[in-house]
């Protein structure tokens, strides 16, 4: 695996500002585990109206951050650089999502994602979101890998 500090996240994720949720990769282990960071800021567009007088990072954006961490793990583990554009990885499901605490501006959201299963072209990830050593969300995510970008998903 490459030196984590030298990995350019945008080469492995198709997302760009304001939808790029991963600020930093902390750890990648044996092509099945990744630990990333999203710094929550008052400037995040998702906080502008959620909620105006008491900004809370939306739960759906926590799930999106987990999804991007999982996508990044898959791309790095399989050496899939977006510059090659020969494949697609689609986020197709969320199971067992549980929100345990609120996330506020100034928090540092740590995401841990583990590949737990592969079935044909489907990949399953167990994800945990943590703020200050406290679990704020848990979920299992499912993705579909398509080697040919022109192939229809459904």
Protein backbone atom coordinates (compact mmCIF):
# COMPACT_ATOMS: atom_id res chain seq x y z
CA UNK A 1 0.00 0.00 0.00
CA UNK A 2 1.16 3.52 -0.78
CA UNK A 3 2.28 5.90 1.90
CA UNK A 4 -1.00 7.25 3.32
CA UNK A 5 0.28 10.82 3.37
CA UNK A 6 0.96 10.71 -0.37
CA UNK A 7 -2.47 9.37 -1.40
CA UNK A 8 -4.52 11.93 -3.31
CA UNK A 9 -8.09 11.11 -2.23
CA UNK A 10 -9.63 12.67 -5.36
CA UNK A 11 -7.83 10.06 -7.52
CA UNK A 12 -9.85 7.32 -5.80
CA UNK A 13 -13.22 8.99 -5.09
CA UNK A 14 -15.46 10.55 -7.77
CA UNK A 15 -16.77 13.18 -5.34
CA UNK A 16 -15.71 16.83 -5.34
CA UNK A 17 -16.51 19.87 -3.19
CA UNK A 18 -19.02 20.29 -1.59
CA UNK A 19 -19.78 16.56 -1.66
CA UNK A 20 -16.32 15.20 -0.87
CA UNK A 21 -16.63 14.13 2.76
CA UNK A 22 -13.21 12.62 3.49
CA UNK A 23 -10.57 15.05 4.76
CA UNK A 24 -7.84 12.57 5.66
CA UNK A 25 -6.93 8.89 5.70
CA UNK A 26 -5.55 7.80 9.06
CA UNK A 27 -5.00 4.09 8.49
CA UNK A 28 -5.40 1.32 5.93
CA UNK A 29 -4.84 -2.25 7.03
CA UNK A 30 -4.49 -5.43 4.94
CA UNK A 31 -6.89 -4.24 2.23
CA UNK A 32 -9.94 -4.79 4.45
CA UNK A 33 -9.95 -1.88 6.93
CA UNK A 34 -9.77 1.90 6.65
CA UNK A 35 -9.93 4.74 9.17
CA UNK A 36 -10.71 8.25 7.88
CA UNK A 37 -11.57 11.71 9.20
CA UNK A 38 -14.21 14.29 8.34
CA UNK A 39 -13.82 17.60 10.18
CA UNK A 40 -17.24 19.13 10.80
CA UNK A 41 -17.23 22.89 10.22
CA UNK A 42 -19.81 25.67 10.46
CA UNK A 43 -18.89 26.31 6.82
CA UNK A 44 -20.21 22.89 5.69
CA UNK A 45 -23.08 23.58 3.30
CA UNK A 46 -25.07 20.77 4.92
CA UNK A 47 -25.31 22.76 8.15
CA UNK A 48 -26.75 25.94 6.60
CA UNK A 49 -30.35 24.97 7.32
CA UNK A 50 -29.98 21.94 9.59
CA UNK A 51 -30.88 23.48 12.00
CA UNK A 52 -30.41 27.24 11.69
CA UNK A 53 -30.23 28.12 15.40
CA UNK A 54 -28.64 24.82 16.48
CA UNK A 55 -26.56 23.29 13.64
CA UNK A 56 -26.40 19.48 13.68
CA UNK A 57 -24.55 17.45 11.05
CA UNK A 58 -27.32 15.46 9.25
CA UNK A 59 -27.44 11.71 9.84
CA UNK A 60 -27.71 11.07 6.12
CA UNK A 61 -24.37 12.87 5.69
CA UNK A 62 -22.81 10.62 8.34
CA UNK A 63 -23.97 7.65 6.23
CA UNK A 64 -22.54 9.35 3.10
CA UNK A 65 -19.21 9.83 4.87
CA UNK A 66 -19.23 6.12 5.77
CA UNK A 67 -20.05 5.28 2.15
CA UNK A 68 -17.17 7.38 0.83
CA UNK A 69 -14.76 5.78 3.30
CA UNK A 70 -15.91 2.34 2.13
CA UNK A 71 -15.60 3.36 -1.52
CA UNK A 72 -12.09 4.66 -0.83
CA UNK A 73 -11.14 1.39 0.88
CA UNK A 74 -12.39 -0.60 -2.11
CA UNK A 75 -10.60 1.65 -4.64
CA UNK A 76 -7.28 1.60 -2.79
CA UNK A 77 -7.44 -2.14 -2.04
CA UNK A 78 -8.14 -2.98 -5.68
CA UNK A 79 -5.80 -0.32 -7.09
CA UNK A 80 -8.68 1.34 -8.95
CA UNK A 81 -7.63 4.84 -9.93
CA UNK A 82 -10.44 6.98 -11.35
CA UNK A 83 -8.16 8.23 -14.11
CA UNK A 84 -8.51 4.80 -15.74
CA UNK A 85 -12.35 5.01 -15.68
CA UNK A 86 -12.84 1.33 -16.47
CA UNK A 87 -15.25 0.49 -13.67
CA UNK A 88 -17.96 1.77 -11.35
CA UNK A 89 -18.77 1.12 -7.71
CA UNK A 90 -22.38 1.87 -6.81
CA UNK A 91 -23.74 2.47 -3.30
CA UNK A 92 -26.90 0.34 -3.29
CA UNK A 93 -27.97 -0.29 0.30
CA UNK A 94 -27.97 0.64 3.97
CA UNK A 95 -28.80 -1.88 6.68
CA UNK A 96 -28.96 -1.67 10.46
CA UNK A 97 -28.23 2.08 10.63
CA UNK A 98 -28.37 3.37 14.19
CA UNK A 99 -27.73 6.97 15.22
CA UNK A 100 -26.58 7.15 18.82
CA UNK A 101 -25.54 10.78 19.30
CA UNK A 102 -25.59 14.17 17.55
CA UNK A 103 -22.63 15.55 15.62
CA UNK A 104 -21.92 19.28 15.84
CA UNK A 105 -19.66 21.84 14.14
CA UNK A 106 -16.17 21.55 15.59
CA UNK A 107 -16.44 17.77 15.96
CA UNK A 108 -14.00 15.46 14.24
CA UNK A 109 -15.88 12.50 12.78
CA UNK A 110 -13.70 9.37 12.64
CA UNK A 111 -14.98 6.65 10.31
CA UNK A 112 -13.91 3.03 10.52
CA UNK A 113 -14.95 0.77 7.65
CA UNK A 114 -14.32 -2.96 7.29
CA UNK A 115 -15.11 -5.23 4.35
CA UNK A 116 -17.20 -8.00 5.92
CA UNK A 117 -18.41 -9.97 2.90
CA UNK A 118 -18.30 -10.28 -0.88
CA UNK A 119 -21.07 -12.02 -2.79
CA UNK A 120 -20.67 -12.14 -6.57
CA UNK A 121 -20.24 -8.41 -7.44
CA UNK A 122 -21.70 -7.14 -4.17
CA UNK A 123 -19.52 -5.92 -1.31
CA UNK A 124 -20.68 -5.45 2.27
CA UNK A 125 -19.04 -3.10 4.78
CA UNK A 126 -19.47 -2.63 8.51
CA UNK A 127 -19.02 1.05 9.41
CA UNK A 128 -18.71 2.93 12.67
CA UNK A 129 -18.64 6.72 13.12
CA UNK A 130 -16.94 8.04 16.24
CA UNK A 131 -16.64 11.49 17.84
CA UNK A 132 -14.35 11.90 20.87
CA UNK A 133 -14.08 8.12 21.35
CA UNK A 134 -17.89 7.80 21.44
CA UNK A 135 -19.79 5.85 18.76
CA UNK A 136 -22.30 8.19 17.11
CA UNK A 137 -23.49 5.89 14.31
CA UNK A 138 -23.20 2.28 13.15
CA UNK A 139 -24.32 0.80 9.86
CA UNK A 140 -23.78 -1.88 7.24
CA UNK A 141 -23.45 -0.65 3.67
CA UNK A 142 -23.73 -2.53 0.39
CA UNK A 143 -22.07 -1.67 -2.93
CA UNK A 144 -22.21 -3.14 -6.41
CA UNK A 145 -19.00 -3.35 -8.46
CA UNK A 146 -19.30 -3.14 -12.23
CA UNK A 147 -16.12 -3.62 -14.29
CA UNK A 148 -17.58 -2.08 -17.42
CA UNK A 149 -18.89 1.47 -16.90
CA UNK A 150 -21.50 1.13 -19.64
CA UNK A 151 -23.17 -1.92 -18.07
CA UNK A 152 -26.57 -1.12 -16.52
CA UNK A 153 -26.98 -1.66 -12.80
CA UNK A 154 -30.62 -2.75 -12.89
